[in-house]
C-alpha atoms as a PDB file:
ATOM      1  CA  MET A   1       9.035 -39.059 -48.740  1.00  0.00           C
ATOM      2  CA  LEU A   2       9.584 -36.368 -51.541  1.00  0.00           C
ATOM      3  CA  ASP A   3       7.510 -38.369 -54.040  1.00  0.00           C
ATOM      4  CA  ASN A   4       4.690 -38.534 -51.504  1.00  0.00           C
ATOM      5  CA  SER A   5       4.774 -34.852 -50.876  1.00  0.00           C
ATOM      6  CA  LEU A   6       4.920 -34.221 -54.582  1.00  0.00           C
ATOM      7  CA  ALA A   7       1.920 -36.382 -55.160  1.00  0.00           C
ATOM      8  CA  ILE A   8      -0.210 -34.643 -52.556  1.00  0.00           C
ATOM      9  CA  LEU A   9       0.850 -31.222 -53.987  1.00  0.00           C
ATOM     10  CA  LEU A  10       0.054 -32.174 -57.567  1.00  0.00           C
ATOM     11  CA  ALA A  11      -3.275 -33.585 -56.633  1.00  0.00           C
ATOM     12  CA  TYR A  12      -4.194 -30.168 -55.002  1.00  0.00           C
ATOM     13  CA  LEU A  13      -2.815 -28.076 -57.900  1.00  0.00           C
ATOM     14  CA  ILE A  14      -4.529 -30.235 -60.656  1.00  0.00           C
ATOM     15  CA  SER A  15      -7.877 -30.176 -58.902  1.00  0.00           C
ATOM     16  CA  ALA A  16      -7.490 -26.522 -58.120  1.00  0.00           C
ATOM     17  CA  LEU A  17      -7.506 -25.696 -61.912  1.00  0.00           C
ATOM     18  CA  PRO A  18     -10.612 -23.457 -62.138  1.00  0.00           C
ATOM     19  CA  SER A  19     -12.427 -24.954 -65.193  1.00  0.00           C
ATOM     20  CA  ALA A  20     -15.635 -22.976 -64.697  1.00  0.00           C
ATOM     21  CA  TYR A  21     -13.815 -19.727 -64.070  1.00  0.00           C
ATOM     22  CA  ILE A  22     -11.720 -20.158 -67.187  1.00  0.00           C
ATOM     23  CA  LEU A  23     -14.618 -21.066 -69.485  1.00  0.00           C
ATOM     24  CA  ALA A  24     -16.506 -18.036 -68.123  1.00  0.00           C
ATOM     25  CA  LYS A  25     -13.661 -15.741 -68.680  1.00  0.00           C
ATOM     26  CA  LEU A  26     -13.419 -16.998 -72.368  1.00  0.00           C
ATOM     27  CA  GLN A  27     -16.923 -15.747 -72.674  1.00  0.00           C
ATOM     28  CA  GLY A  28     -16.147 -12.429 -71.165  1.00  0.00           C
ATOM     29  CA  LYS A  29     -17.837 -13.232 -67.761  1.00  0.00           C
ATOM     30  CA  ASN A  30     -16.992 -13.887 -64.168  1.00  0.00           C
ATOM     31  CA  ILE A  31     -18.404 -17.092 -62.906  1.00  0.00           C
ATOM     32  CA  PHE A  32     -18.338 -15.688 -59.290  1.00  0.00           C
ATOM     33  CA  GLU A  33     -20.682 -12.971 -60.302  1.00  0.00           C
ATOM     34  CA  LEU A  34     -23.203 -15.219 -62.015  1.00  0.00           C
ATOM     35  CA  GLY A  35     -26.109 -16.976 -60.351  1.00  0.00           C
ATOM     36  CA  SER A  36     -25.187 -18.555 -57.033  1.00  0.00           C
ATOM     37  CA  GLY A  37     -21.560 -17.434 -57.609  1.00  0.00           C
ATOM     38  CA  ASN A  38     -20.422 -21.046 -57.226  1.00  0.00           C
ATOM     39  CA  MET A  39     -17.659 -22.333 -59.454  1.00  0.00           C
ATOM     40  CA  GLY A  40     -19.174 -25.479 -60.494  1.00  0.00           C
ATOM     41  CA  ALA A  41     -20.967 -27.324 -63.240  1.00  0.00           C
ATOM     42  CA  MET A  42     -24.568 -26.589 -62.248  1.00  0.00           C
ATOM     43  CA  ASN A  43     -24.009 -22.860 -61.936  1.00  0.00           C
ATOM     44  CA  THR A  44     -22.122 -22.922 -65.253  1.00  0.00           C
ATOM     45  CA  PHE A  45     -24.937 -24.839 -66.834  1.00  0.00           C
ATOM     46  CA  ARG A  46     -27.534 -22.385 -65.667  1.00  0.00           C
ATOM     47  CA  ASN A  47     -25.641 -19.293 -66.642  1.00  0.00           C
ATOM     48  CA  LEU A  48     -23.337 -20.236 -69.549  1.00  0.00           C
ATOM     49  CA  GLY A  49     -25.343 -22.920 -71.238  1.00  0.00           C
ATOM     50  CA  ILE A  50     -25.488 -26.655 -71.592  1.00  0.00           C
ATOM     51  CA  ALA A  51     -22.209 -27.149 -73.518  1.00  0.00           C
ATOM     52  CA  SER A  52     -20.253 -25.244 -70.975  1.00  0.00           C
ATOM     53  CA  GLY A  53     -21.922 -26.951 -68.038  1.00  0.00           C
ATOM     54  CA  ILE A  54     -21.174 -30.392 -69.502  1.00  0.00           C
ATOM     55  CA  ALA A  55     -17.605 -29.353 -70.165  1.00  0.00           C
ATOM     56  CA  VAL A  56     -17.135 -28.205 -66.592  1.00  0.00           C
ATOM     57  CA  LEU A  57     -18.701 -31.411 -65.175  1.00  0.00           C
ATOM     58  CA  VAL A  58     -16.528 -33.732 -67.277  1.00  0.00           C
ATOM     59  CA  ILE A  59     -13.285 -31.679 -66.610  1.00  0.00           C
ATOM     60  CA  ASP A  60     -13.943 -31.513 -62.820  1.00  0.00           C
ATOM     61  CA  ILE A  61     -14.556 -35.366 -62.622  1.00  0.00           C
ATOM     62  CA  ALA A  62     -11.512 -35.938 -64.785  1.00  0.00           C
ATOM     63  CA  LYS A  63      -9.395 -33.637 -62.450  1.00  0.00           C
ATOM     64  CA  GLY A  64     -10.308 -35.854 -59.436  1.00  0.00           C
ATOM     65  CA  TYR A  65      -9.798 -39.090 -61.235  1.00  0.00           C
ATOM     66  CA  LEU A  66      -6.423 -38.286 -62.945  1.00  0.00           C
ATOM     67  CA  ALA A  67      -5.006 -36.648 -59.760  1.00  0.00           C
ATOM     68  CA  VAL A  68      -5.607 -39.694 -57.686  1.00  0.00           C
ATOM     69  CA  LYS A  69      -4.293 -42.053 -60.311  1.00  0.00           C
ATOM     70  CA  LEU A  70      -1.201 -39.979 -60.771  1.00  0.00           C
ATOM     71  CA  ALA A  71      -0.580 -40.002 -56.999  1.00  0.00           C
ATOM     72  CA  ALA A  72      -0.905 -43.799 -57.056  1.00  0.00           C
ATOM     73  CA  LEU A  73       1.788 -43.874 -59.693  1.00  0.00           C
ATOM     74  CA  ILE A  74       4.413 -41.687 -58.181  1.00  0.00           C
ATOM     75  CA  ALA A  75       3.769 -42.174 -54.427  1.00  0.00           C
ATOM     76  CA  GLU A  76       3.987 -45.024 -51.945  1.00  0.00           C
ATOM     77  CA  GLY A  77       1.639 -46.598 -49.299  1.00  0.00           C
ATOM     78  CA  ASP A  78      -1.400 -44.710 -48.227  1.00  0.00           C
ATOM     79  CA  THR A  79      -0.472 -41.346 -49.751  1.00  0.00           C
ATOM     80  CA  VAL A  80      -3.179 -41.903 -52.304  1.00  0.00           C
ATOM     81  CA  TYR A  81      -5.787 -41.253 -49.569  1.00  0.00           C
ATOM     82  CA  LEU A  82      -4.164 -37.962 -48.595  1.00  0.00           C
ATOM     83  CA  ALA A  83      -4.095 -37.017 -52.382  1.00  0.00           C
ATOM     84  CA  ALA A  84      -7.810 -37.817 -52.424  1.00  0.00           C
ATOM     85  CA  ILE A  85      -8.288 -35.199 -49.694  1.00  0.00           C
ATOM     86  CA  ALA A  86      -6.074 -32.739 -51.438  1.00  0.00           C
ATOM     87  CA  VAL A  87      -8.235 -33.002 -54.599  1.00  0.00           C
ATOM     88  CA  THR A  88     -11.405 -31.975 -52.676  1.00  0.00           C
ATOM     89  CA  LEU A  89      -9.465 -29.170 -51.041  1.00  0.00           C
ATOM     90  CA  GLY A  90      -8.006 -27.943 -54.285  1.00  0.00           C
ATOM     91  CA  HIS A  91     -11.418 -27.738 -55.945  1.00  0.00           C
ATOM     92  CA  ALA A  92     -13.042 -26.133 -53.006  1.00  0.00           C
ATOM     93  CA  PHE A  93     -10.217 -23.723 -52.176  1.00  0.00           C
ATOM     94  CA  SER A  94      -8.353 -23.006 -55.394  1.00  0.00           C
ATOM     95  CA  VAL A  95      -5.069 -21.208 -55.104  1.00  0.00           C
ATOM     96  CA  TYR A  96      -5.570 -19.808 -58.636  1.00  0.00           C
ATOM     97  CA  VAL A  97      -8.635 -17.707 -57.721  1.00  0.00           C
ATOM     98  CA  GLY A  98      -7.859 -16.512 -54.313  1.00  0.00           C
ATOM     99  CA  PHE A  99      -8.782 -19.763 -52.399  1.00  0.00           C
ATOM    100  CA  ARG A 100     -12.372 -19.615 -53.710  1.00  0.00           C
ATOM    101  CA  GLY A 101     -13.938 -22.597 -55.581  1.00  0.00           C
ATOM    102  CA  GLY A 102     -16.732 -24.969 -56.229  1.00  0.00           C
ATOM    103  CA  LYS A 103     -18.620 -27.395 -54.006  1.00  0.00           C
ATOM    104  CA  ALA A 104     -16.248 -30.185 -54.867  1.00  0.00           C
ATOM    105  CA  LEU A 105     -19.049 -32.729 -55.631  1.00  0.00           C
ATOM    106  CA  SER A 106     -17.843 -33.550 -59.102  1.00  0.00           C
ATOM    107  CA  SER A 107     -14.086 -33.715 -58.261  1.00  0.00           C
ATOM    108  CA  SER A 108     -14.947 -35.946 -55.228  1.00  0.00           C
ATOM    109  CA  PHE A 109     -16.920 -38.190 -57.488  1.00  0.00           C
ATOM    110  CA  GLY A 110     -13.772 -38.386 -59.768  1.00  0.00           C
ATOM    111  CA  VAL A 111     -11.838 -39.385 -56.690  1.00  0.00           C
ATOM    112  CA  LEU A 112     -14.174 -42.232 -55.916  1.00  0.00           C
ATOM    113  CA  LEU A 113     -14.150 -43.422 -59.441  1.00  0.00           C
ATOM    114  CA  ALA A 114     -10.286 -43.781 -59.010  1.00  0.00           C
ATOM    115  CA  LEU A 115     -10.475 -45.335 -55.626  1.00  0.00           C
ATOM    116  CA  ASP A 116     -13.628 -47.402 -55.677  1.00  0.00           C
ATOM    117  CA  PRO A 117     -15.510 -47.526 -59.053  1.00  0.00           C
ATOM    118  CA  LYS A 118     -18.294 -49.615 -57.763  1.00  0.00           C
ATOM    119  CA  GLY A 119     -18.782 -47.349 -54.822  1.00  0.00           C
ATOM    120  CA  ALA A 120     -18.754 -44.293 -57.169  1.00  0.00           C
ATOM    121  CA  LEU A 121     -21.623 -45.802 -59.048  1.00  0.00           C
ATOM    122  CA  LEU A 122     -23.549 -46.412 -55.850  1.00  0.00           C
ATOM    123  CA  VAL A 123     -22.977 -42.726 -54.875  1.00  0.00           C
ATOM    124  CA  LEU A 124     -24.173 -41.734 -58.407  1.00  0.00           C
ATOM    125  CA  SER A 125     -27.311 -43.799 -57.913  1.00  0.00           C
ATOM    126  CA  ALA A 126     -27.853 -42.251 -54.577  1.00  0.00           C
ATOM    127  CA  VAL A 127     -27.584 -38.698 -55.899  1.00  0.00           C
ATOM    128  CA  ILE A 128     -30.142 -39.620 -58.627  1.00  0.00           C
ATOM    129  CA  PHE A 129     -32.480 -41.226 -56.240  1.00  0.00           C
ATOM    130  CA  PHE A 130     -32.423 -38.419 -53.622  1.00  0.00           C
ATOM    131  CA  SER A 131     -32.635 -35.775 -56.254  1.00  0.00           C
ATOM    132  CA  LEU A 132     -35.932 -37.309 -57.381  1.00  0.00           C
ATOM    133  CA  ILE A 133     -37.173 -37.806 -53.863  1.00  0.00           C
ATOM    134  CA  ILE A 134     -36.112 -34.359 -52.563  1.00  0.00           C
ATOM    135  CA  LYS A 135     -37.088 -32.291 -55.407  1.00  0.00           C
ATOM    136  CA  LYS A 136     -36.137 -28.564 -55.557  1.00  0.00           C
ATOM    137  CA  LYS A 137     -33.495 -29.160 -52.891  1.00  0.00           C
ATOM    138  CA  PRO A 138     -30.346 -30.204 -54.800  1.00  0.00           C
ATOM    139  CA  ASN A 139     -27.926 -29.159 -52.109  1.00  0.00           C
ATOM    140  CA  LEU A 140     -29.704 -31.423 -49.461  1.00  0.00           C
ATOM    141  CA  ALA A 141     -29.971 -34.305 -52.016  1.00  0.00           C
ATOM    142  CA  ALA A 142     -26.274 -33.955 -52.758  1.00  0.00           C
ATOM    143  CA  VAL A 143     -25.229 -34.000 -49.120  1.00  0.00           C
ATOM    144  CA  ILE A 144     -27.370 -36.940 -48.149  1.00  0.00           C
ATOM    145  CA  ALA A 145     -26.000 -38.832 -51.211  1.00  0.00           C
ATOM    146  CA  MET A 146     -22.460 -38.076 -50.476  1.00  0.00           C
ATOM    147  CA  SER A 147     -22.791 -39.028 -46.770  1.00  0.00           C
ATOM    148  CA  SER A 148     -23.940 -42.566 -47.967  1.00  0.00           C
ATOM    149  CA  TYR A 149     -20.474 -43.692 -48.917  1.00  0.00           C
ATOM    150  CA  PRO A 150     -18.631 -43.134 -45.716  1.00  0.00           C
ATOM    151  CA  ILE A 151     -21.476 -44.868 -43.913  1.00  0.00           C
ATOM    152  CA  MET A 152     -21.235 -47.785 -46.395  1.00  0.00           C
ATOM    153  CA  VAL A 153     -17.539 -48.285 -46.099  1.00  0.00           C
ATOM    154  CA  LEU A 154     -17.627 -47.955 -42.251  1.00  0.00           C
ATOM    155  CA  SER A 155     -20.198 -50.712 -42.220  1.00  0.00           C
ATOM    156  CA  LEU A 156     -17.949 -52.762 -44.489  1.00  0.00           C
ATOM    157  CA  PHE A 157     -15.015 -52.234 -42.096  1.00  0.00           C
ATOM    158  CA  LEU A 158     -17.120 -53.256 -39.036  1.00  0.00           C
ATOM    159  CA  ILE A 159     -18.172 -56.416 -40.943  1.00  0.00           C
ATOM    160  CA  LYS A 160     -14.943 -57.562 -42.668  1.00  0.00           C
ATOM    161  CA  GLN A 161     -12.378 -55.795 -40.385  1.00  0.00           C
ATOM    162  CA  GLU A 162     -10.261 -55.014 -43.499  1.00  0.00           C
ATOM    163  CA  PRO A 163      -7.900 -51.929 -43.266  1.00  0.00           C
ATOM    164  CA  ILE A 164      -8.765 -50.651 -46.714  1.00  0.00           C
ATOM    165  CA  PHE A 165     -12.233 -49.883 -45.631  1.00  0.00           C
ATOM    166  CA  LEU A 166     -11.100 -47.972 -42.589  1.00  0.00           C
ATOM    167  CA  LYS A 167      -8.762 -45.857 -44.846  1.00  0.00           C
ATOM    168  CA  LEU A 168     -11.532 -45.234 -47.286  1.00  0.00           C
ATOM    169  CA  PHE A 169     -13.872 -44.185 -44.344  1.00  0.00           C
ATOM    170  CA  ILE A 170     -11.310 -41.804 -42.878  1.00  0.00           C
ATOM    171  CA  SER A 171     -10.411 -40.155 -46.286  1.00  0.00           C
ATOM    172  CA  THR A 172     -13.975 -39.903 -47.679  1.00  0.00           C
ATOM    173  CA  THR A 173     -15.265 -38.564 -44.385  1.00  0.00           C
ATOM    174  CA  ILE A 174     -12.795 -35.683 -44.486  1.00  0.00           C
ATOM    175  CA  MET A 175     -13.882 -35.169 -48.064  1.00  0.00           C
ATOM    176  CA  PHE A 176     -17.473 -35.160 -47.181  1.00  0.00           C
ATOM    177  CA  VAL A 177     -16.855 -32.541 -44.403  1.00  0.00           C
ATOM    178  CA  VAL A 178     -15.422 -30.171 -47.052  1.00  0.00           C
ATOM    179  CA  VAL A 179     -18.298 -30.896 -49.454  1.00  0.00           C
ATOM    180  CA  PHE A 180     -20.930 -30.322 -46.594  1.00  0.00           C
ATOM    181  CA  TYR A 181     -19.174 -27.010 -45.748  1.00  0.00           C
ATOM    182  CA  LYS A 182     -19.325 -25.739 -49.207  1.00  0.00           C
ATOM    183  CA  HIS A 183     -23.064 -26.717 -49.429  1.00  0.00           C
ATOM    184  CA  ILE A 184     -24.009 -24.857 -46.305  1.00  0.00           C
ATOM    185  CA  PRO A 185     -25.054 -21.621 -48.042  1.00  0.00           C
ATOM    186  CA  GLY A 186     -27.217 -23.449 -50.421  1.00  0.00           C
ATOM    187  CA  LEU A 187     -28.644 -25.597 -47.618  1.00  0.00           C
ATOM    188  CA  MET A 188     -29.544 -22.557 -45.699  1.00  0.00           C
ATOM    189  CA  GLN A 189     -31.278 -21.029 -48.723  1.00  0.00           C
ATOM    190  CA  GLU A 190     -33.331 -24.212 -49.227  1.00  0.00           C
ATOM    191  CA  LEU A 191     -34.320 -24.408 -45.438  1.00  0.00           C
ATOM    192  CA  SER A 192     -35.166 -20.811 -45.407  1.00  0.00           C
ATOM    193  CA  LYS A 193     -37.566 -21.265 -48.411  1.00  0.00           C
ATOM    194  CA  LYS A 194     -39.285 -24.100 -46.546  1.00  0.00           C
ATOM    195  CA  THR A 195     -39.795 -22.014 -43.477  1.00  0.00           C
ATOM    196  CA  THR A 196     -41.074 -18.919 -45.170  1.00  0.00           C
ATOM    197  CA  SER A 197     -43.441 -20.750 -47.511  1.00  0.00           C
END
């Protein structure tokens, strides 16, 4: 039981490490005062440059991947799915910066790479596809793409009746709710642009 609790706590603390905030501080800036104010790769890319943006993207994906893999090593049973949720919460609501954070898209992708690599590649393909179809609306594209994974695994559960798909559905649906919540401000901006144009 202690190992399970430790795995969940470590998953949160690892994912909560504010990579964009740290890189901005090293350059004498505050990521929360730049651009959209989001602590993520895209806002970093736009305001701190390509190198910083790529660094944040890679680090955030790695945080999600490594946190879940670590949880699988030290915990038992289905704790890894709780750790996956903890990863998303850690990035979205980081204890290190007053429970602020990013939109948790990159860290959630890292989680999927650890839990289901093939599914993660499908989500990546969906992100690229919807980004091309829904141009100038990256938040909407991201939300639609992320929602595709829970729908897919639910379909697999209904077809195959294998418990692993139900566990993936529950955990990734909770992750998606967090990601969707963090995307709401951006979605509202994109929708307001449409109505005012």
